[in-house]
Amino acid sequence: MSVKVAFIGLGVMGYPMAGHLQQAGHQVTVYNRTTTKAQRWAKEYQGAFAATPKEAVTEAELVFMCVGNDDDLRSVVYGEEGVLAGMKPGTVLIDHTTTSAKVAREVAERAAAQNVAFLDAPVSGGQAGAENGVLTVMVGGEPEVFERVQPVMAAFSRFSQLLGEVGAGQLCKMVNQICIAGVVQGLAEGLHFAKQAGLDGEKVVETIAKGAAGSWQMENRYKTMLAGEYDFGFAVDWMRKDLGIALDEARSNGSSLSLTAMVDQYYADVQALGGGRFDTSSLLARLDAIHDKK
C-alpha cells in the first residue's frame, strides 16, 4: 500500500533511507537543510522536495526524521516552518535521530497537543545498513502507532522492535552504543597486543573469530584496523555525542558506566589526533600513537 511520506534530513543515513521508501512505492517528499542535496535526491529517486520542513509534511501521513542531535531535532520540529506547523491531526511523526530520551518525550508531548502521534526510533547498522536497507530500529511509543508504521519502516530495516513508551527507543540505543564502545576497545587492545607480540594479526583473528571472542566488530573491522584505515563507518565525533547522551542518562538513573566513560575519553584522544571523522574502530590508532611516542 502506497503511503504519502515526508523525510526530513538527508545525511549519510537519511538519504538512502528516504530512497528505500520511494523505491518501495511510497510517495516521498524530502527536506534537507542544504537544498541542493534535496534536489539531487529528488532527481535520483523521482521523488519530490520542499524548501521547508513545513512544506514537506503538509500532505504526509507519516513524517520521518533523521538529523544530527537534540538541537537539530528541535530546529526542524518547532517554529513557524517546522514540521509540527504543517502536520495534520491523526498523522505520525517518527524520529530516527539518536537523541536524549528527554527530547524525545518533549517532542512527543508537543506533538500530542495537536493530535499527532510520535515514535522515537533510533537505528543501528550504520551507513552500510542504511544503504542496503537492513537497519535495526529501536522504538518507543504506543503499540497501535508502531503497528501502523512498522510495515513502512520495513523498506529500510530488517528488524524493528517496540521497547516501551516514548523514550525507550533512545534508551535502547544508549545500550547499543555502550556495548559497542567496550567491544571495540577490547578488539583494539587485542590487535595491538598481537602486533607487539610479533604475531600475524590476520592469522590470530582467523583463529579466534569463530569462538567466544568473535564479534561483528571483529568480523567487519579487523582487516581495516590492521591496515590503519579508518574510513568505514560511524564517525568518532558522532560516537562521542552518543556516549555523552548515555553518560548523562546514567547520571540520572544511577547506572555505573566506568568502562563507557573511559572509552569516551579514549575517543577524545582520537579526536585530539585529528581523527574526529575516523570511524569508531580507530581506537587502535590511539594505541599505535601511544606506542610510537615511546
Protein backbone atom coordinates (compact mmCIF):
# COMPACT_ATOMS: atom_id res chain seq x y z
CA MET A 1 0.00 0.00 0.00
CA SER A 2 1.39 3.38 -1.02
CA VAL A 3 1.62 5.98 1.73
CA LYS A 4 2.31 9.70 1.47
CA VAL A 5 5.55 10.22 3.37
CA ALA A 6 7.88 13.09 4.24
CA PHE A 7 11.52 12.57 5.15
CA ILE A 8 13.43 15.32 6.97
CA GLY A 9 17.23 15.14 6.88
CA LEU A 10 19.31 13.65 4.08
CA GLY A 11 22.64 12.84 5.70
CA VAL A 12 24.55 9.61 5.18
CA MET A 13 21.66 7.72 6.81
CA GLY A 14 18.60 9.69 5.76
CA TYR A 15 19.45 9.94 2.07
CA PRO A 16 19.33 6.18 1.39
CA MET A 17 16.52 5.58 3.91
CA ALA A 18 14.29 8.03 2.06
CA GLY A 19 15.36 6.38 -1.19
CA HIS A 20 14.23 2.96 0.01
CA LEU A 21 10.83 4.40 0.94
CA GLN A 22 10.42 5.85 -2.55
CA GLN A 23 11.58 2.62 -4.19
CA ALA A 24 9.06 0.67 -2.09
CA GLY A 25 6.28 2.59 -3.83
CA HIS A 26 5.58 5.30 -1.28
CA GLN A 27 5.15 8.94 -2.31
CA VAL A 28 8.08 10.68 -0.65
CA THR A 29 8.75 14.39 -0.24
CA VAL A 30 12.10 15.30 1.32
CA TYR A 31 13.56 18.30 3.07
CA ASN A 32 17.22 18.95 3.75
CA ARG A 33 18.95 21.99 5.17
CA THR A 34 21.14 22.07 2.03
CA THR A 35 18.55 22.34 -0.73
CA THR A 36 20.89 21.14 -3.47
CA LYS A 37 21.10 17.73 -1.76
CA ALA A 38 17.30 17.52 -1.64
CA GLN A 39 17.16 18.39 -5.33
CA ARG A 40 19.74 15.71 -6.11
CA TRP A 41 17.76 13.14 -4.12
CA ALA A 42 14.52 14.05 -5.93
CA LYS A 43 16.20 13.64 -9.30
CA GLU A 44 17.86 10.35 -8.36
CA TYR A 45 14.73 8.74 -6.90
CA GLN A 46 11.99 10.55 -8.87
CA GLY A 47 10.57 11.95 -5.66
CA ALA A 48 9.68 15.46 -4.53
CA PHE A 49 11.46 18.03 -2.38
CA ALA A 50 10.35 21.05 -0.39
CA ALA A 51 12.01 24.26 0.72
CA THR A 52 10.97 23.99 4.40
CA PRO A 53 10.06 21.21 6.83
CA LYS A 54 6.52 22.59 7.00
CA GLU A 55 6.07 22.42 3.23
CA ALA A 56 7.44 18.88 3.10
CA VAL A 57 4.87 17.48 5.54
CA THR A 58 1.61 19.16 4.56
CA GLU A 59 0.25 16.13 2.68
CA ALA A 60 2.14 13.42 4.59
CA GLU A 61 0.51 10.65 6.59
CA LEU A 62 3.87 9.69 8.11
CA VAL A 63 6.82 12.01 8.72
CA PHE A 64 10.29 10.51 9.23
CA MET A 65 13.24 12.49 10.55
CA CYS A 66 16.95 11.72 10.76
CA VAL A 67 19.06 14.72 11.75
CA GLY A 68 22.11 15.28 13.94
CA ASN A 69 21.29 15.87 17.61
CA ASP A 70 18.77 17.30 20.07
CA ASP A 71 19.20 20.87 18.85
CA ASP A 72 18.91 19.86 15.19
CA LEU A 73 15.73 17.98 16.02
CA ARG A 74 14.16 20.97 17.73
CA SER A 75 15.16 23.20 14.80
CA VAL A 76 13.17 21.14 12.28
CA VAL A 77 10.21 20.31 14.54
CA TYR A 78 9.38 23.66 16.14
CA GLY A 79 8.72 27.14 14.79
CA GLU A 80 6.59 28.60 12.02
CA GLU A 81 8.34 26.50 9.36
CA GLY A 82 8.78 23.35 11.48
CA VAL A 83 7.11 20.01 10.86
CA LEU A 84 4.53 20.45 13.62
CA ALA A 85 3.34 23.62 11.93
CA GLY A 86 2.40 21.62 8.86
CA MET A 87 1.29 18.19 10.12
CA LYS A 88 -2.38 17.25 10.14
CA PRO A 89 -4.18 15.68 13.13
CA GLY A 90 -4.06 11.89 13.04
CA THR A 91 -0.64 11.71 11.39
CA VAL A 92 2.54 10.22 12.87
CA LEU A 93 5.97 11.75 13.47
CA ILE A 94 8.83 9.23 13.61
CA ASP A 95 12.31 10.31 14.71
CA HIS A 96 15.30 8.16 13.68
CA THR A 97 17.84 10.61 15.12
CA THR A 98 19.90 9.41 18.08
CA THR A 99 18.93 11.90 20.77
CA SER A 100 18.36 12.09 24.50
CA ALA A 101 15.27 10.37 25.87
CA LYS A 102 14.37 13.76 27.36
CA VAL A 103 13.97 15.48 24.00
CA ALA A 104 12.00 12.50 22.65
CA ARG A 105 9.47 12.90 25.46
CA GLU A 106 9.41 16.67 24.94
CA VAL A 107 8.63 16.38 21.22
CA ALA A 108 6.04 13.68 21.89
CA GLU A 109 4.22 15.98 24.31
CA ARG A 110 4.22 18.87 21.84
CA ALA A 111 3.01 16.58 19.06
CA ALA A 112 0.22 15.10 21.19
CA ALA A 113 -1.10 18.61 21.87
CA GLN A 114 -2.12 18.78 18.22
CA ASN A 115 -3.21 15.14 17.90
CA VAL A 116 -0.03 13.96 16.19
CA ALA A 117 1.41 10.62 17.37
CA PHE A 118 5.16 10.23 17.95
CA LEU A 119 7.67 7.40 17.90
CA ASP A 120 11.31 7.71 18.91
CA ALA A 121 13.04 5.21 16.63
CA PRO A 122 16.84 5.40 16.56
CA VAL A 123 18.59 2.97 14.25
CA SER A 124 21.67 0.75 14.26
CA GLY A 125 23.55 -0.60 11.28
CA GLY A 126 25.47 2.43 10.12
CA GLN A 127 25.77 3.86 6.64
CA ALA A 128 26.07 0.41 5.07
CA GLY A 129 22.90 -0.73 6.83
CA ALA A 130 21.02 2.33 5.57
CA GLU A 131 22.27 1.89 2.01
CA ASN A 132 21.38 -1.82 1.99
CA GLY A 133 18.03 -1.35 3.73
CA VAL A 134 18.88 -3.63 6.65
CA LEU A 135 18.82 -1.33 9.67
CA THR A 136 17.69 -2.33 13.14
CA VAL A 137 15.10 0.08 14.59
CA MET A 138 14.59 0.55 18.34
CA VAL A 139 11.22 2.11 19.04
CA GLY A 140 9.43 3.86 21.86
CA GLY A 141 5.73 4.75 21.67
CA GLU A 142 2.22 3.33 21.60
CA PRO A 143 1.73 -0.21 20.22
CA GLU A 144 -1.01 0.74 17.78
CA VAL A 145 1.14 3.54 16.34
CA PHE A 146 4.11 1.19 15.99
CA GLU A 147 1.92 -1.38 14.20
CA ARG A 148 0.79 1.31 11.77
CA VAL A 149 4.32 2.45 10.97
CA GLN A 150 6.26 -0.84 11.07
CA PRO A 151 5.29 -2.05 7.57
CA VAL A 152 6.51 1.22 6.08
CA MET A 153 9.78 1.19 8.07
CA ALA A 154 10.38 -2.28 6.62
CA ALA A 155 11.51 -0.54 3.43
CA PHE A 156 14.84 0.29 5.09
CA SER A 157 15.03 -2.13 8.03
CA ARG A 158 15.33 -5.85 8.61
CA PHE A 159 14.23 -5.73 12.25
CA SER A 160 12.26 -3.31 14.40
CA GLN A 161 11.19 -3.70 18.00
CA LEU A 162 8.84 -1.76 20.26
CA LEU A 163 10.60 -1.48 23.63
CA GLY A 164 8.16 0.58 25.66
CA GLU A 165 6.72 4.07 25.88
CA VAL A 166 8.28 7.14 24.26
CA GLY A 167 11.95 7.38 25.21
CA ALA A 168 12.51 3.62 25.34
CA GLY A 169 13.92 3.56 21.83
CA GLN A 170 16.55 6.11 22.73
CA LEU A 171 17.41 4.27 25.94
CA CYS A 172 17.92 1.07 23.95
CA LYS A 173 20.19 2.92 21.52
CA MET A 174 22.26 4.03 24.52
CA VAL A 175 22.67 0.37 25.49
CA ASN A 176 23.72 -0.36 21.91
CA GLN A 177 26.44 2.30 21.96
CA ILE A 178 27.65 1.29 25.44
CA CYS A 179 28.13 -2.27 24.22
CA ILE A 180 29.89 -1.22 21.03
CA ALA A 181 32.33 1.00 22.92
CA GLY A 182 33.53 -1.83 25.13
CA VAL A 183 33.78 -4.35 22.29
CA VAL A 184 35.79 -2.02 20.03
CA GLN A 185 38.22 -1.13 22.81
CA GLY A 186 38.76 -4.82 23.55
CA LEU A 187 39.35 -5.56 19.86
CA ALA A 188 41.76 -2.62 19.54
CA GLU A 189 43.77 -3.80 22.54
CA GLY A 190 43.81 -7.38 21.26
CA LEU A 191 45.12 -6.40 17.83
CA HIS A 192 47.64 -4.03 19.39
CA PHE A 193 48.87 -6.79 21.69
CA ALA A 194 49.16 -9.21 18.76
CA LYS A 195 51.33 -6.75 16.85
CA GLN A 196 53.55 -6.08 19.85
CA ALA A 197 53.93 -9.82 20.43
CA GLY A 198 55.06 -10.34 16.85
CA LEU A 199 52.02 -12.35 15.82
CA ASP A 200 50.33 -12.32 12.42
CA GLY A 201 47.13 -10.38 13.12
CA GLU A 202 45.27 -11.99 10.22
CA LYS A 203 46.02 -15.49 11.49
CA VAL A 204 45.17 -14.55 15.07
CA VAL A 205 41.72 -13.29 14.09
CA GLU A 206 41.14 -16.27 11.81
CA THR A 207 41.87 -18.48 14.80
CA ILE A 208 39.75 -16.73 17.44
CA ALA A 209 36.88 -15.23 15.42
CA LYS A 210 34.70 -18.32 15.44
CA GLY A 211 34.98 -18.78 19.20
CA ALA A 212 33.86 -16.80 22.21
CA ALA A 213 35.97 -13.79 21.22
CA GLY A 214 34.15 -13.31 17.92
CA SER A 215 32.00 -10.24 17.27
CA TRP A 216 30.51 -8.15 14.47
CA GLN A 217 33.27 -5.62 15.04
CA MET A 218 35.96 -8.27 14.69
CA GLU A 219 34.46 -9.74 11.55
CA ASN A 220 33.85 -6.42 9.80
CA ARG A 221 36.66 -4.18 11.04
CA TYR A 222 39.80 -6.17 11.85
CA LYS A 223 41.30 -6.01 8.33
CA THR A 224 40.94 -2.24 8.03
CA MET A 225 42.17 -1.78 11.59
CA LEU A 226 45.31 -3.81 10.87
CA ALA A 227 45.81 -1.71 7.73
CA GLY A 228 45.43 1.55 9.70
CA GLU A 229 42.41 2.55 7.63
CA TYR A 230 39.56 4.22 9.47
CA ASP A 231 37.06 5.45 6.90
CA PHE A 232 34.48 2.68 7.13
CA GLY A 233 31.52 3.72 9.19
CA PHE A 234 30.23 5.72 12.13
CA ALA A 235 32.47 8.69 12.95
CA VAL A 236 34.19 9.27 16.29
CA ASP A 237 32.58 12.72 16.58
CA TRP A 238 29.12 11.14 16.45
CA MET A 239 30.09 8.31 18.79
CA ARG A 240 31.21 10.83 21.40
CA LYS A 241 27.86 12.60 21.03
CA ASP A 242 26.06 9.31 21.62
CA LEU A 243 28.23 8.26 24.56
CA GLY A 244 27.73 11.68 26.10
CA ILE A 245 23.96 11.14 25.96
CA ALA A 246 24.37 7.71 27.59
CA LEU A 247 26.63 9.05 30.33
CA ASP A 248 24.19 11.88 31.07
CA GLU A 249 21.34 9.38 31.34
CA ALA A 250 23.47 7.16 33.60
CA ARG A 251 23.99 10.05 36.00
CA SER A 252 20.21 10.45 36.14
CA ASN A 253 19.34 6.79 36.70
CA GLY A 254 22.28 5.83 38.91
CA SER A 255 24.00 3.47 36.47
CA SER A 256 27.73 2.82 36.80
CA LEU A 257 29.37 3.13 33.38
CA SER A 258 33.06 3.20 34.23
CA LEU A 259 34.16 1.42 31.04
CA THR A 260 31.99 3.63 28.86
CA ALA A 261 33.38 6.76 30.49
CA MET A 262 36.93 5.54 29.94
CA VAL A 263 36.35 4.69 26.28
CA ASP A 264 34.67 8.04 25.76
CA GLN A 265 37.91 9.70 26.89
CA TYR A 266 39.90 7.43 24.59
CA TYR A 267 37.77 8.69 21.73
CA ALA A 268 38.60 12.22 22.88
CA ASP A 269 42.26 11.24 22.44
CA VAL A 270 41.47 10.12 18.87
CA GLN A 271 39.84 13.48 18.22
CA ALA A 272 42.99 15.19 19.52
CA LEU A 273 44.98 13.18 16.97
CA GLY A 274 42.83 14.70 14.23
CA GLY A 275 40.60 11.65 13.96
CA GLY A 276 37.19 13.12 14.63
CA ARG A 277 35.94 11.80 11.30
CA PHE A 278 37.67 8.42 11.66
CA ASP A 279 35.31 5.51 12.24
CA THR A 280 34.89 4.06 15.72
CA SER A 281 37.45 1.29 15.15
CA SER A 282 40.15 3.98 15.30
CA LEU A 283 40.73 3.26 18.99
CA LEU A 284 43.63 1.21 17.62
CA ALA A 285 45.13 4.39 16.15
CA ARG A 286 45.29 5.80 19.68
CA LEU A 287 47.20 2.76 20.94
CA ASP A 288 49.57 2.92 17.97
CA ALA A 289 50.21 6.61 18.64
CA ILE A 290 50.99 5.89 22.29
CA HIS A 291 53.46 3.17 21.26
CA ASP A 292 55.11 5.39 18.67
CA LYS A 293 55.83 8.02 21.33
CA LYS A 294 57.77 5.54 23.48
